[in-house]
Amino acid sequence: MKRRVRRDAEKNGFMLHIQATFGYSAAGGSTDDPRPRTITQKMPGSVARRLYEARDAGASQAEQERILAECLREHYFKDNGHRASGLDVELNDIAWMDVEGI
């Protein structure tokens, strides 16, 4: 069962539902105050692969959260390179998170 779930996530991606506080750094004139957000975002299989590989290599929860923040920056905040080119995102606090297979 676990192998099938992993295989499906790495192939098809997953839906991420998260409520967390995010910190930002961006171009001058924008705010960098941490803000709580509730996000639902389809994440590609490459993200699942990165997270599984990190976990398998013994990555800490903080390291896995850093990977998740990087992936959210690229796929949600920067819309896969279509906006916010200088934006950096930090995941400060996760209130709750749910992962759904697709």
Protein backbone atom coordinates (compact mmCIF):
# COMPACT_ATOMS: atom_id res chain seq x y z
CA MET A 1 0.00 0.00 0.00
CA LYS A 2 2.73 2.49 0.98
CA ARG A 3 4.70 1.77 -2.20
CA ARG A 4 1.62 2.37 -4.33
CA VAL A 5 0.86 5.67 -2.59
CA ARG A 6 4.44 6.81 -3.10
CA ARG A 7 4.51 5.70 -6.74
CA ASP A 8 1.22 7.48 -7.45
CA ALA A 9 2.38 10.70 -5.73
CA GLU A 10 5.69 10.69 -7.61
CA LYS A 11 3.89 10.09 -10.90
CA ASN A 12 0.77 12.25 -10.56
CA GLY A 13 1.66 14.75 -7.83
CA PHE A 14 -0.57 15.55 -4.89
CA MET A 15 -2.92 18.21 -3.58
CA LEU A 16 -1.52 20.13 -0.63
CA HIS A 17 -3.84 21.87 1.82
CA ILE A 18 -1.94 23.94 4.37
CA GLN A 19 -2.50 26.74 6.85
CA ALA A 20 0.78 28.29 7.86
CA THR A 21 2.59 31.52 8.53
CA PHE A 22 4.91 32.53 5.70
CA GLY A 23 7.68 35.10 5.78
CA TYR A 24 8.72 36.87 2.58
CA SER A 25 11.59 38.79 1.13
CA ALA A 26 11.08 40.52 -2.18
CA ALA A 27 11.78 43.63 -4.21
CA GLY A 28 11.95 46.99 -2.48
CA GLY A 29 8.63 48.53 -1.53
CA SER A 30 7.00 45.23 -0.68
CA THR A 31 6.29 43.99 2.82
CA ASP A 32 8.22 41.17 4.43
CA ASP A 33 5.94 40.82 7.46
CA PRO A 34 5.08 37.18 8.13
CA ARG A 35 1.46 36.46 7.27
CA PRO A 36 -0.83 33.50 7.89
CA ARG A 37 -2.25 31.93 4.74
CA THR A 38 -4.46 29.01 3.88
CA ILE A 39 -3.30 27.47 0.61
CA THR A 40 -4.60 24.65 -1.55
CA GLN A 41 -2.12 23.86 -4.30
CA LYS A 42 -1.55 20.98 -6.70
CA MET A 43 2.07 19.94 -6.35
CA PRO A 44 3.84 17.99 -9.09
CA GLY A 45 5.36 14.55 -8.70
CA SER A 46 8.86 16.05 -8.56
CA VAL A 47 7.95 17.64 -5.20
CA ALA A 48 6.73 14.31 -3.81
CA ARG A 49 9.96 12.71 -5.04
CA ARG A 50 12.10 15.37 -3.31
CA LEU A 51 10.21 14.99 -0.05
CA TYR A 52 10.34 11.16 -0.07
CA GLU A 53 14.05 11.18 -0.92
CA ALA A 54 14.78 13.67 1.88
CA ARG A 55 12.81 11.60 4.38
CA ASP A 56 14.56 8.40 3.25
CA ALA A 57 17.94 10.11 3.69
CA GLY A 58 17.05 11.03 7.29
CA ALA A 59 16.13 14.69 6.79
CA SER A 60 14.75 16.41 9.85
CA GLN A 61 11.27 17.88 9.94
CA ALA A 62 12.82 21.35 9.59
CA GLU A 63 14.68 20.26 6.44
CA GLN A 64 11.51 18.79 4.96
CA GLU A 65 9.62 22.00 5.76
CA ARG A 66 12.36 23.99 3.99
CA ILE A 67 11.87 21.84 0.89
CA LEU A 68 8.13 22.35 1.10
CA ALA A 69 8.62 26.13 1.42
CA GLU A 70 10.90 26.15 -1.65
CA CYS A 71 8.36 24.18 -3.64
CA LEU A 72 5.46 26.40 -2.55
CA ARG A 73 7.54 29.45 -3.50
CA GLU A 74 8.00 28.10 -7.02
CA HIS A 75 4.59 26.55 -7.66
CA TYR A 76 2.22 28.78 -5.68
CA PHE A 77 3.80 32.16 -5.00
CA LYS A 78 5.85 32.46 -8.22
CA ASP A 79 3.33 30.53 -10.37
CA ASN A 80 6.08 28.44 -11.97
CA GLY A 81 8.12 31.47 -12.99
CA HIS A 82 5.26 33.65 -14.26
CA ARG A 83 5.47 36.26 -11.46
CA ALA A 84 7.40 37.50 -8.40
CA SER A 85 10.85 36.67 -9.79
CA GLY A 86 12.79 38.00 -6.76
CA LEU A 87 10.54 36.52 -4.09
CA ASP A 88 11.86 34.26 -1.36
CA VAL A 89 9.52 32.46 1.03
CA GLU A 90 10.08 31.08 4.50
CA LEU A 91 7.67 28.68 6.18
CA ASN A 92 7.53 29.87 9.80
CA ASP A 93 4.72 27.95 11.45
CA ILE A 94 2.35 25.23 10.23
CA ALA A 95 -1.06 25.35 11.92
CA TRP A 96 -2.30 22.32 9.98
CA MET A 97 -1.56 20.45 6.78
CA ASP A 98 -3.28 17.75 4.75
CA VAL A 99 -2.01 15.89 1.69
CA GLU A 100 -4.43 14.36 -0.79
CA GLY A 101 -3.59 11.99 -3.63
CA ILE A 102 -4.79 12.88 -7.10
